[in-house]
PDB file of N, CA and C in Angstrom:
ATOM      1  N   MET A   1      57.556 -28.429  10.735  1.00  0.00           N
ATOM      2  CA  MET A   1      56.489 -28.574   9.766  1.00  0.00           C
ATOM      3  C   MET A   1      56.131 -27.248   9.136  1.00  0.00           C
ATOM      4  N   HIS A   2      55.652 -27.383   7.946  1.00  0.00           N
ATOM      5  CA  HIS A   2      55.201 -26.212   7.198  1.00  0.00           C
ATOM      6  C   HIS A   2      53.730 -25.942   7.466  1.00  0.00           C
ATOM      7  N   SER A   3      53.412 -24.697   7.698  1.00  0.00           N
ATOM      8  CA  SER A   3      52.010 -24.337   7.923  1.00  0.00           C
ATOM      9  C   SER A   3      51.580 -23.418   6.790  1.00  0.00           C
ATOM     10  N   GLU A   4      50.660 -23.857   5.975  1.00  0.00           N
ATOM     11  CA  GLU A   4      50.164 -23.056   4.852  1.00  0.00           C
ATOM     12  C   GLU A   4      48.743 -22.613   5.134  1.00  0.00           C
ATOM     13  N   GLN A   5      48.470 -21.404   4.725  1.00  0.00           N
ATOM     14  CA  GLN A   5      47.123 -20.882   4.897  1.00  0.00           C
ATOM     15  C   GLN A   5      46.282 -21.331   3.708  1.00  0.00           C
ATOM     16  N   VAL A   6      45.116 -21.868   4.000  1.00  0.00           N
ATOM     17  CA  VAL A   6      44.231 -22.363   2.957  1.00  0.00           C
ATOM     18  C   VAL A   6      43.136 -21.338   2.722  1.00  0.00           C
ATOM     19  N   THR A   7      42.939 -20.979   1.475  1.00  0.00           N
ATOM     20  CA  THR A   7      41.875 -20.056   1.112  1.00  0.00           C
ATOM     21  C   THR A   7      40.694 -20.867   0.611  1.00  0.00           C
ATOM     22  N   HIS A   8      39.567 -20.611   1.180  1.00  0.00           N
ATOM     23  CA  HIS A   8      38.362 -21.325   0.768  1.00  0.00           C
ATOM     24  C   HIS A   8      37.635 -20.514  -0.299  1.00  0.00           C
ATOM     25  N   ILE A   9      37.246 -21.173  -1.337  1.00  0.00           N
ATOM     26  CA  ILE A   9      36.506 -20.530  -2.422  1.00  0.00           C
ATOM     27  C   ILE A   9      35.032 -20.739  -2.167  1.00  0.00           C
ATOM     28  N   GLN A  10      34.309 -19.636  -2.195  1.00  0.00           N
ATOM     29  CA  GLN A  10      32.864 -19.738  -2.009  1.00  0.00           C
ATOM     30  C   GLN A  10      32.211 -19.885  -3.368  1.00  0.00           C
ATOM     31  N   VAL A  11      31.489 -20.945  -3.527  1.00  0.00           N
ATOM     32  CA  VAL A  11      30.772 -21.206  -4.772  1.00  0.00           C
ATOM     33  C   VAL A  11      29.345 -20.702  -4.588  1.00  0.00           C
ATOM     34  N   PRO A  12      28.898 -19.841  -5.496  1.00  0.00           N
ATOM     35  CA  PRO A  12      27.545 -19.324  -5.332  1.00  0.00           C
ATOM     36  C   PRO A  12      26.503 -20.422  -5.480  1.00  0.00           C
ATOM     37  N   THR A  13      25.426 -20.251  -4.767  1.00  0.00           N
ATOM     38  CA  THR A  13      24.308 -21.177  -4.907  1.00  0.00           C
ATOM     39  C   THR A  13      23.685 -20.956  -6.272  1.00  0.00           C
ATOM     40  N   PRO A  14      22.873 -21.895  -6.756  1.00  0.00           N
ATOM     41  CA  PRO A  14      22.256 -21.692  -8.069  1.00  0.00           C
ATOM     42  C   PRO A  14      21.498 -20.370  -8.171  1.00  0.00           C
ATOM     43  N   ALA A  15      20.790 -19.984  -7.115  1.00  0.00           N
ATOM     44  CA  ALA A  15      20.071 -18.701  -7.150  1.00  0.00           C
ATOM     45  C   ALA A  15      21.073 -17.558  -7.189  1.00  0.00           C
ATOM     46  N   GLY A  16      22.170 -17.689  -6.427  1.00  0.00           N
ATOM     47  CA  GLY A  16      23.211 -16.670  -6.426  1.00  0.00           C
ATOM     48  C   GLY A  16      23.909 -16.583  -7.770  1.00  0.00           C
ATOM     49  N   ALA A  17      24.143 -17.724  -8.389  1.00  0.00           N
ATOM     50  CA  ALA A  17      24.782 -17.741  -9.705  1.00  0.00           C
ATOM     51  C   ALA A  17      23.907 -17.053 -10.742  1.00  0.00           C
ATOM     52  N   ALA A  18      22.612 -17.293 -10.672  1.00  0.00           N
ATOM     53  CA  ALA A  18      21.691 -16.643 -11.611  1.00  0.00           C
ATOM     54  C   ALA A  18      21.719 -15.134 -11.427  1.00  0.00           C
ATOM     55  N   GLU A  19      21.801 -14.706 -10.180  1.00  0.00           N
ATOM     56  CA  GLU A  19      21.862 -13.264  -9.899  1.00  0.00           C
ATOM     57  C   GLU A  19      23.167 -12.663 -10.414  1.00  0.00           C
ATOM     58  N   VAL A  20      24.261 -13.396 -10.245  1.00  0.00           N
ATOM     59  CA  VAL A  20      25.557 -12.931 -10.747  1.00  0.00           C
ATOM     60  C   VAL A  20      25.514 -12.810 -12.273  1.00  0.00           C
ATOM     61  N   ILE A  21      24.943 -13.797 -12.931  1.00  0.00           N
ATOM     62  CA  ILE A  21      24.833 -13.763 -14.398  1.00  0.00           C
ATOM     63  C   ILE A  21      23.950 -12.606 -14.838  1.00  0.00           C
ATOM     64  N   LYS A  22      22.827 -12.416 -14.163  1.00  0.00           N
ATOM     65  CA  LYS A  22      21.913 -11.309 -14.503  1.00  0.00           C
ATOM     66  C   LYS A  22      22.612  -9.965 -14.332  1.00  0.00           C
ATOM     67  N   THR A  23      23.342  -9.817 -13.249  1.00  0.00           N
ATOM     68  CA  THR A  23      24.074  -8.571 -13.012  1.00  0.00           C
ATOM     69  C   THR A  23      25.126  -8.357 -14.098  1.00  0.00           C
ATOM     70  N   GLY A  24      25.814  -9.423 -14.463  1.00  0.00           N
ATOM     71  CA  GLY A  24      26.813  -9.328 -15.526  1.00  0.00           C
ATOM     72  C   GLY A  24      26.201  -8.927 -16.856  1.00  0.00           C
ATOM     73  N   ILE A  25      25.074  -9.516 -17.186  1.00  0.00           N
ATOM     74  CA  ILE A  25      24.388  -9.188 -18.442  1.00  0.00           C
ATOM     75  C   ILE A  25      23.892  -7.744 -18.421  1.00  0.00           C
ATOM     76  N   ASP A  26      23.323  -7.328 -17.279  1.00  0.00           N
ATOM     77  CA  ASP A  26      22.850  -5.943 -17.157  1.00  0.00           C
ATOM     78  C   ASP A  26      24.000  -4.951 -17.309  1.00  0.00           C
ATOM     79  N   THR A  27      25.120  -5.264 -16.687  1.00  0.00           N
ATOM     80  CA  THR A  27      26.290  -4.393 -16.787  1.00  0.00           C
ATOM     81  C   THR A  27      26.802  -4.355 -18.221  1.00  0.00           C
ATOM     82  N   TRP A  28      26.894  -5.506 -18.857  1.00  0.00           N
ATOM     83  CA  TRP A  28      27.347  -5.560 -20.243  1.00  0.00           C
ATOM     84  C   TRP A  28      26.414  -4.746 -21.140  1.00  0.00           C
ATOM     85  N   ARG A  29      25.091  -4.919 -20.963  1.00  0.00           N
ATOM     86  CA  ARG A  29      24.131  -4.192 -21.795  1.00  0.00           C
ATOM     87  C   ARG A  29      24.279  -2.678 -21.604  1.00  0.00           C
ATOM     88  N   THR A  30      24.497  -2.266 -20.361  1.00  0.00           N
ATOM     89  CA  THR A  30      24.652  -0.840 -20.093  1.00  0.00           C
ATOM     90  C   THR A  30      25.864  -0.268 -20.808  1.00  0.00           C
ATOM     91  N   PHE A  31      27.015  -0.951 -20.676  1.00  0.00           N
ATOM     92  CA  PHE A  31      28.248  -0.417 -21.240  1.00  0.00           C
ATOM     93  C   PHE A  31      28.431  -0.709 -22.725  1.00  0.00           C
ATOM     94  N   ALA A  32      27.876  -1.805 -23.220  1.00  0.00           N
ATOM     95  CA  ALA A  32      28.093  -2.189 -24.620  1.00  0.00           C
ATOM     96  C   ALA A  32      26.966  -1.753 -25.539  1.00  0.00           C
ATOM     97  N   VAL A  33      25.787  -1.460 -24.970  1.00  0.00           N
ATOM     98  CA  VAL A  33      24.645  -1.102 -25.818  1.00  0.00           C
ATOM     99  C   VAL A  33      24.076   0.263 -25.439  1.00  0.00           C
ATOM    100  N   ASP A  34      23.588   0.371 -24.204  1.00  0.00           N
ATOM    101  CA  ASP A  34      22.887   1.595 -23.800  1.00  0.00           C
ATOM    102  C   ASP A  34      23.777   2.841 -23.848  1.00  0.00           C
ATOM    103  N   LEU A  35      24.954   2.761 -23.244  1.00  0.00           N
ATOM    104  CA  LEU A  35      25.840   3.923 -23.221  1.00  0.00           C
ATOM    105  C   LEU A  35      26.275   4.339 -24.625  1.00  0.00           C
ATOM    106  N   PRO A  36      26.753   3.426 -25.475  1.00  0.00           N
ATOM    107  CA  PRO A  36      27.125   3.850 -26.824  1.00  0.00           C
ATOM    108  C   PRO A  36      25.945   4.448 -27.607  1.00  0.00           C
ATOM    109  N   LEU A  37      24.755   3.883 -27.440  1.00  0.00           N
ATOM    110  CA  LEU A  37      23.593   4.453 -28.135  1.00  0.00           C
ATOM    111  C   LEU A  37      23.271   5.848 -27.618  1.00  0.00           C
ATOM    112  N   HIS A  38      23.344   6.026 -26.311  1.00  0.00           N
ATOM    113  CA  HIS A  38      23.081   7.344 -25.736  1.00  0.00           C
ATOM    114  C   HIS A  38      24.117   8.360 -26.222  1.00  0.00           C
ATOM    115  N   LEU A  39      25.388   7.970 -26.197  1.00  0.00           N
ATOM    116  CA  LEU A  39      26.443   8.880 -26.648  1.00  0.00           C
ATOM    117  C   LEU A  39      26.323   9.172 -28.146  1.00  0.00           C
ATOM    118  N   ALA A  40      25.938   8.179 -28.922  1.00  0.00           N
ATOM    119  CA  ALA A  40      25.749   8.400 -30.363  1.00  0.00           C
ATOM    120  C   ALA A  40      24.591   9.356 -30.611  1.00  0.00           C
ATOM    121  N   ALA A  41      23.494   9.194 -29.878  1.00  0.00           N
ATOM    122  CA  ALA A  41      22.352  10.095 -30.040  1.00  0.00           C
ATOM    123  C   ALA A  41      22.731  11.524 -29.667  1.00  0.00           C
ATOM    124  N   GLU A  42      23.477  11.670 -28.583  1.00  0.00           N
ATOM    125  CA  GLU A  42      23.916  13.009 -28.171  1.00  0.00           C
ATOM    126  C   GLU A  42      24.864  13.606 -29.199  1.00  0.00           C
ATOM    127  N   THR A  43      25.752  12.789 -29.739  1.00  0.00           N
ATOM    128  CA  THR A  43      26.692  13.262 -30.748  1.00  0.00           C
ATOM    129  C   THR A  43      25.960  13.688 -32.025  1.00  0.00           C
ATOM    130  N   ILE A  44      24.965  12.929 -32.430  1.00  0.00           N
ATOM    131  CA  ILE A  44      24.181  13.289 -33.617  1.00  0.00           C
ATOM    132  C   ILE A  44      23.405  14.585 -33.372  1.00  0.00           C
ATOM    133  N   ARG A  45      22.838  14.735 -32.161  1.00  0.00           N
ATOM    134  CA  ARG A  45      22.126  15.968 -31.830  1.00  0.00           C
ATOM    135  C   ARG A  45      23.075  17.157 -31.910  1.00  0.00           C
ATOM    136  N   PHE A  46      24.258  17.004 -31.323  1.00  0.00           N
ATOM    137  CA  PHE A  46      25.234  18.091 -31.326  1.00  0.00           C
ATOM    138  C   PHE A  46      25.710  18.399 -32.748  1.00  0.00           C
ATOM    139  N   THR A  47      25.949  17.369 -33.528  1.00  0.00           N
ATOM    140  CA  THR A  47      26.390  17.572 -34.913  1.00  0.00           C
ATOM    141  C   THR A  47      25.347  18.337 -35.710  1.00  0.00           C
ATOM    142  N   GLY A  48      24.081  17.993 -35.532  1.00  0.00           N
ATOM    143  CA  GLY A  48      23.007  18.732 -36.202  1.00  0.00           C
ATOM    144  C   GLY A  48      22.992  20.186 -35.787  1.00  0.00           C
ATOM    145  N   HIS A  49      23.188  20.432 -34.500  1.00  0.00           N
ATOM    146  CA  HIS A  49      23.236  21.803 -33.987  1.00  0.00           C
ATOM    147  C   HIS A  49      24.390  22.575 -34.624  1.00  0.00           C
ATOM    148  N   ARG A  50      25.573  21.944 -34.691  1.00  0.00           N
ATOM    149  CA  ARG A  50      26.730  22.625 -35.268  1.00  0.00           C
ATOM    150  C   ARG A  50      26.584  22.846 -36.771  1.00  0.00           C
ATOM    151  N   LEU A  51      26.019  21.881 -37.483  1.00  0.00           N
ATOM    152  CA  LEU A  51      25.804  22.063 -38.924  1.00  0.00           C
ATOM    153  C   LEU A  51      24.827  23.196 -39.193  1.00  0.00           C
ATOM    154  N   GLN A  52      23.783  23.308 -38.368  1.00  0.00           N
ATOM    155  CA  GLN A  52      22.833  24.416 -38.520  1.00  0.00           C
ATOM    156  C   GLN A  52      23.529  25.745 -38.226  1.00  0.00           C
ATOM    157  N   ALA A  53      24.380  25.761 -37.203  1.00  0.00           N
ATOM    158  CA  ALA A  53      25.118  26.985 -36.879  1.00  0.00           C
ATOM    159  C   ALA A  53      26.047  27.382 -38.027  1.00  0.00           C
ATOM    160  N   GLN A  54      26.674  26.397 -38.658  1.00  0.00           N
ATOM    161  CA  GLN A  54      27.552  26.696 -39.799  1.00  0.00           C
ATOM    162  C   GLN A  54      26.752  27.234 -40.982  1.00  0.00           C
ATOM    163  N   ALA A  55      25.605  26.642 -41.248  1.00  0.00           N
ATOM    164  CA  ALA A  55      24.766  27.124 -42.349  1.00  0.00           C
ATOM    165  C   ALA A  55      24.306  28.551 -42.080  1.00  0.00           C
ATOM    166  N   ASP A  56      23.887  28.822 -40.847  1.00  0.00           N
ATOM    167  CA  ASP A  56      23.469  30.181 -40.491  1.00  0.00           C
ATOM    168  C   ASP A  56      24.631  31.156 -40.620  1.00  0.00           C
ATOM    169  N   HIS A  57      25.808  30.706 -40.208  1.00  0.00           N
ATOM    170  CA  HIS A  57      26.993  31.563 -40.296  1.00  0.00           C
ATOM    171  C   HIS A  57      27.327  31.885 -41.756  1.00  0.00           C
ATOM    172  N   LEU A  58      27.285  30.889 -42.614  1.00  0.00           N
ATOM    173  CA  LEU A  58      27.576  31.136 -44.033  1.00  0.00           C
ATOM    174  C   LEU A  58      26.566  32.093 -44.655  1.00  0.00           C
ATOM    175  N   ALA A  59      25.309  31.957 -44.279  1.00  0.00           N
ATOM    176  CA  ALA A  59      24.281  32.873 -44.784  1.00  0.00           C
ATOM    177  C   ALA A  59      24.547  34.291 -44.284  1.00  0.00           C
ATOM    178  N   ALA A  60      24.953  34.406 -43.022  1.00  0.00           N
ATOM    179  CA  ALA A  60      25.256  35.734 -42.473  1.00  0.00           C
ATOM    180  C   ALA A  60      26.506  36.319 -43.125  1.00  0.00           C
ATOM    181  N   LEU A  61      27.504  35.481 -43.402  1.00  0.00           N
ATOM    182  CA  LEU A  61      28.703  35.969 -44.087  1.00  0.00           C
ATOM    183  C   LEU A  61      28.373  36.503 -45.480  1.00  0.00           C
ATOM    184  N   ALA A  62      27.470  35.828 -46.157  1.00  0.00           N
ATOM    185  CA  ALA A  62      27.091  36.268 -47.506  1.00  0.00           C
ATOM    186  C   ALA A  62      26.445  37.647 -47.487  1.00  0.00           C
ATOM    187  N   ALA A  63      25.858  37.988 -46.352  1.00  0.00           N
ATOM    188  CA  ALA A  63      25.188  39.287 -46.245  1.00  0.00           C
ATOM    189  C   ALA A  63      26.127  40.402 -45.799  1.00  0.00           C
ATOM    190  N   CYS A  64      27.368  40.061 -45.433  1.00  0.00           N
ATOM    191  CA  CYS A  64      28.315  41.090 -44.983  1.00  0.00           C
ATOM    192  C   CYS A  64      28.688  42.000 -46.143  1.00  0.00           C
ATOM    193  N   ARG A  65      28.798  43.291 -45.825  1.00  0.00           N
ATOM    194  CA  ARG A  65      29.118  44.275 -46.870  1.00  0.00           C
ATOM    195  C   ARG A  65      30.539  44.807 -46.754  1.00  0.00           C
ATOM    196  N   SER A  66      31.278  44.365 -45.720  1.00  0.00           N
ATOM    197  CA  SER A  66      32.658  44.825 -45.568  1.00  0.00           C
ATOM    198  C   SER A  66      33.503  43.703 -44.977  1.00  0.00           C
ATOM    199  N   LEU A  67      34.801  43.833 -45.197  1.00  0.00           N
ATOM    200  CA  LEU A  67      35.726  42.854 -44.649  1.00  0.00           C
ATOM    201  C   LEU A  67      35.694  42.895 -43.126  1.00  0.00           C
ATOM    202  N   GLN A  68      35.618  44.066 -42.551  1.00  0.00           N
ATOM    203  CA  GLN A  68      35.584  44.197 -41.096  1.00  0.00           C
ATOM    204  C   GLN A  68      34.364  43.486 -40.515  1.00  0.00           C
ATOM    205  N   ALA A  69      33.213  43.647 -41.145  1.00  0.00           N
ATOM    206  CA  ALA A  69      31.997  42.988 -40.663  1.00  0.00           C
ATOM    207  C   ALA A  69      32.144  41.462 -40.749  1.00  0.00           C
ATOM    208  N   ALA A  70      32.747  40.991 -41.832  1.00  0.00           N
ATOM    209  CA  ALA A  70      32.939  39.544 -42.012  1.00  0.00           C
ATOM    210  C   ALA A  70      33.900  38.992 -40.963  1.00  0.00           C
ATOM    211  N   VAL A  71      34.989  39.715 -40.692  1.00  0.00           N
ATOM    212  CA  VAL A  71      35.972  39.262 -39.689  1.00  0.00           C
ATOM    213  C   VAL A  71      35.333  39.230 -38.307  1.00  0.00           C
ATOM    214  N   GLU A  72      34.570  40.260 -37.956  1.00  0.00           N
ATOM    215  CA  GLU A  72      33.902  40.299 -36.651  1.00  0.00           C
ATOM    216  C   GLU A  72      32.884  39.164 -36.524  1.00  0.00           C
ATOM    217  N   LEU A  73      32.125  38.941 -37.576  1.00  0.00           N
ATOM    218  CA  LEU A  73      31.139  37.863 -37.568  1.00  0.00           C
ATOM    219  C   LEU A  73      31.825  36.505 -37.405  1.00  0.00           C
ATOM    220  N   HIS A  74      32.917  36.325 -38.138  1.00  0.00           N
ATOM    221  CA  HIS A  74      33.621  35.045 -38.079  1.00  0.00           C
ATOM    222  C   HIS A  74      34.278  34.841 -36.709  1.00  0.00           C
ATOM    223  N   ALA A  75      34.829  35.881 -36.127  1.00  0.00           N
ATOM    224  CA  ALA A  75      35.427  35.774 -34.790  1.00  0.00           C
ATOM    225  C   ALA A  75      34.367  35.357 -33.766  1.00  0.00           C
ATOM    226  N   GLY A  76      33.194  35.941 -33.865  1.00  0.00           N
ATOM    227  CA  GLY A  76      32.099  35.557 -32.965  1.00  0.00           C
ATOM    228  C   GLY A  76      31.683  34.108 -33.166  1.00  0.00           C
ATOM    229  N   PHE A  77      31.634  33.704 -34.421  1.00  0.00           N
ATOM    230  CA  PHE A  77      31.269  32.317 -34.735  1.00  0.00           C
ATOM    231  C   PHE A  77      32.284  31.342 -34.144  1.00  0.00           C
ATOM    232  N   LEU A  78      33.573  31.643 -34.301  1.00  0.00           N
ATOM    233  CA  LEU A  78      34.609  30.756 -33.773  1.00  0.00           C
ATOM    234  C   LEU A  78      34.567  30.701 -32.244  1.00  0.00           C
ATOM    235  N   THR A  79      34.348  31.830 -31.608  1.00  0.00           N
ATOM    236  CA  THR A  79      34.248  31.856 -30.147  1.00  0.00           C
ATOM    237  C   THR A  79      33.081  31.010 -29.676  1.00  0.00           C
ATOM    238  N   LYS A  80      31.932  31.170 -30.307  1.00  0.00           N
ATOM    239  CA  LYS A  80      30.742  30.386 -29.951  1.00  0.00           C
ATOM    240  C   LYS A  80      30.985  28.902 -30.219  1.00  0.00           C
ATOM    241  N   SER A  81      31.686  28.572 -31.290  1.00  0.00           N
ATOM    242  CA  SER A  81      31.985  27.173 -31.611  1.00  0.00           C
ATOM    243  C   SER A  81      32.830  26.530 -30.512  1.00  0.00           C
ATOM    244  N   VAL A  82      33.852  27.235 -30.060  1.00  0.00           N
ATOM    245  CA  VAL A  82      34.716  26.699 -29.008  1.00  0.00           C
ATOM    246  C   VAL A  82      33.901  26.460 -27.740  1.00  0.00           C
ATOM    247  N   VAL A  83      33.054  27.406 -27.376  1.00  0.00           N
ATOM    248  CA  VAL A  83      32.205  27.250 -26.188  1.00  0.00           C
ATOM    249  C   VAL A  83      31.280  26.042 -26.357  1.00  0.00           C
ATOM    250  N   ASP A  84      30.697  25.886 -27.535  1.00  0.00           N
ATOM    251  CA  ASP A  84      29.809  24.744 -27.797  1.00  0.00           C
ATOM    252  C   ASP A  84      30.550  23.413 -27.681  1.00  0.00           C
ATOM    253  N   TYR A  85      31.746  23.331 -28.252  1.00  0.00           N
ATOM    254  CA  TYR A  85      32.512  22.086 -28.197  1.00  0.00           C
ATOM    255  C   TYR A  85      32.951  21.770 -26.769  1.00  0.00           C
ATOM    256  N   GLN A  86      33.315  22.781 -26.001  1.00  0.00           N
ATOM    257  CA  GLN A  86      33.678  22.553 -24.600  1.00  0.00           C
ATOM    258  C   GLN A  86      32.472  22.036 -23.810  1.00  0.00           C
ATOM    259  N   ALA A  87      31.328  22.639 -24.024  1.00  0.00           N
ATOM    260  CA  ALA A  87      30.115  22.201 -23.329  1.00  0.00           C
ATOM    261  C   ALA A  87      29.748  20.771 -23.720  1.00  0.00           C
ATOM    262  N   GLU A  88      29.910  20.443 -24.983  1.00  0.00           N
ATOM    263  CA  GLU A  88      29.587  19.084 -25.437  1.00  0.00           C
ATOM    264  C   GLU A  88      30.538  18.061 -24.841  1.00  0.00           C
ATOM    265  N   ALA A  89      31.807  18.401 -24.742  1.00  0.00           N
ATOM    266  CA  ALA A  89      32.772  17.486 -24.108  1.00  0.00           C
ATOM    267  C   ALA A  89      32.374  17.234 -22.659  1.00  0.00           C
ATOM    268  N   LYS A  90      31.954  18.264 -21.957  1.00  0.00           N
ATOM    269  CA  LYS A  90      31.503  18.094 -20.568  1.00  0.00           C
ATOM    270  C   LYS A  90      30.251  17.227 -20.515  1.00  0.00           C
ATOM    271  N   THR A  91      29.330  17.456 -21.436  1.00  0.00           N
ATOM    272  CA  THR A  91      28.092  16.673 -21.463  1.00  0.00           C
ATOM    273  C   THR A  91      28.386  15.190 -21.689  1.00  0.00           C
ATOM    274  N   LEU A  92      29.219  14.885 -22.675  1.00  0.00           N
ATOM    275  CA  LEU A  92      29.536  13.491 -22.974  1.00  0.00           C
ATOM    276  C   LEU A  92      30.289  12.820 -21.829  1.00  0.00           C
ATOM    277  N   SER A  93      31.254  13.523 -21.243  1.00  0.00           N
ATOM    278  CA  SER A  93      32.003  12.911 -20.140  1.00  0.00           C
ATOM    279  C   SER A  93      31.116  12.748 -18.912  1.00  0.00           C
ATOM    280  N   HIS A  94      30.212  13.691 -18.682  1.00  0.00           N
ATOM    281  CA  HIS A  94      29.285  13.566 -17.548  1.00  0.00           C
ATOM    282  C   HIS A  94      28.363  12.369 -17.747  1.00  0.00           C
ATOM    283  N   ASP A  95      27.823  12.222 -18.945  1.00  0.00           N
ATOM    284  CA  ASP A  95      26.931  11.095 -19.227  1.00  0.00           C
ATOM    285  C   ASP A  95      27.648   9.756 -19.045  1.00  0.00           C
ATOM    286  N   ALA A  96      28.875   9.654 -19.553  1.00  0.00           N
ATOM    287  CA  ALA A  96      29.631   8.406 -19.426  1.00  0.00           C
ATOM    288  C   ALA A  96      29.961   8.120 -17.960  1.00  0.00           C
ATOM    289  N   ALA A  97      30.383   9.137 -17.225  1.00  0.00           N
ATOM    290  CA  ALA A  97      30.712   8.944 -15.813  1.00  0.00           C
ATOM    291  C   ALA A  97      29.470   8.593 -15.000  1.00  0.00           C
ATOM    292  N   GLU A  98      28.359   9.216 -15.330  1.00  0.00           N
ATOM    293  CA  GLU A  98      27.115   8.935 -14.615  1.00  0.00           C
ATOM    294  C   GLU A  98      26.726   7.466 -14.747  1.00  0.00           C
ATOM    295  N   VAL A  99      26.839   6.929 -15.949  1.00  0.00           N
ATOM    296  CA  VAL A  99      26.510   5.512 -16.166  1.00  0.00           C
ATOM    297  C   VAL A  99      27.520   4.625 -15.450  1.00  0.00           C
ATOM    298  N   ALA A 100      28.805   4.946 -15.552  1.00  0.00           N
ATOM    299  CA  ALA A 100      29.833   4.108 -14.930  1.00  0.00           C
ATOM    300  C   ALA A 100      29.687   4.094 -13.411  1.00  0.00           C
ATOM    301  N   PHE A 101      29.482   5.240 -12.814  1.00  0.00           N
ATOM    302  CA  PHE A 101      29.376   5.298 -11.359  1.00  0.00           C
ATOM    303  C   PHE A 101      28.067   4.730 -10.876  1.00  0.00           C
ATOM    304  N   ALA A 102      27.015   4.843 -11.662  1.00  0.00           N
ATOM    305  CA  ALA A 102      25.723   4.254 -11.267  1.00  0.00           C
ATOM    306  C   ALA A 102      25.845   2.739 -11.239  1.00  0.00           C
ATOM    307  N   LYS A 103      26.568   2.143 -12.174  1.00  0.00           N
ATOM    308  CA  LYS A 103      26.740   0.695 -12.208  1.00  0.00           C
ATOM    309  C   LYS A 103      27.694   0.226 -11.112  1.00  0.00           C
ATOM    310  N   ALA A 104      28.660   1.059 -10.756  1.00  0.00           N
ATOM    311  CA  ALA A 104      29.631   0.669  -9.728  1.00  0.00           C
ATOM    312  C   ALA A 104      29.013   0.716  -8.338  1.00  0.00           C
ATOM    313  N   ALA A 105      27.987   1.531  -8.166  1.00  0.00           N
ATOM    314  CA  ALA A 105      27.373   1.684  -6.831  1.00  0.00           C
ATOM    315  C   ALA A 105      26.492   0.515  -6.478  1.00  0.00           C
TER     316      ALA A 105
END
């Protein structure tokens, strides 16, 4: 004779089903609404910061009286820009991971 293992499916009780649905909705809202809005707000904040830095840089370039001064100013601006973009990438990835791991726990 053949012996097959039977797997029993547990059906949640109505109260359990409601909790499962609520958890699903909360998770969906976090990942589909809250996280994108948070990341968009952070991105807009960062973009405003960078646009202000560019405007300040252009104003400072206009005040340069030599090519050497302009090159030094621009090199500093580019270095600061790279540091800012690296920090922003860390901020965005940290925020996304924080939400994902908080929901997984």
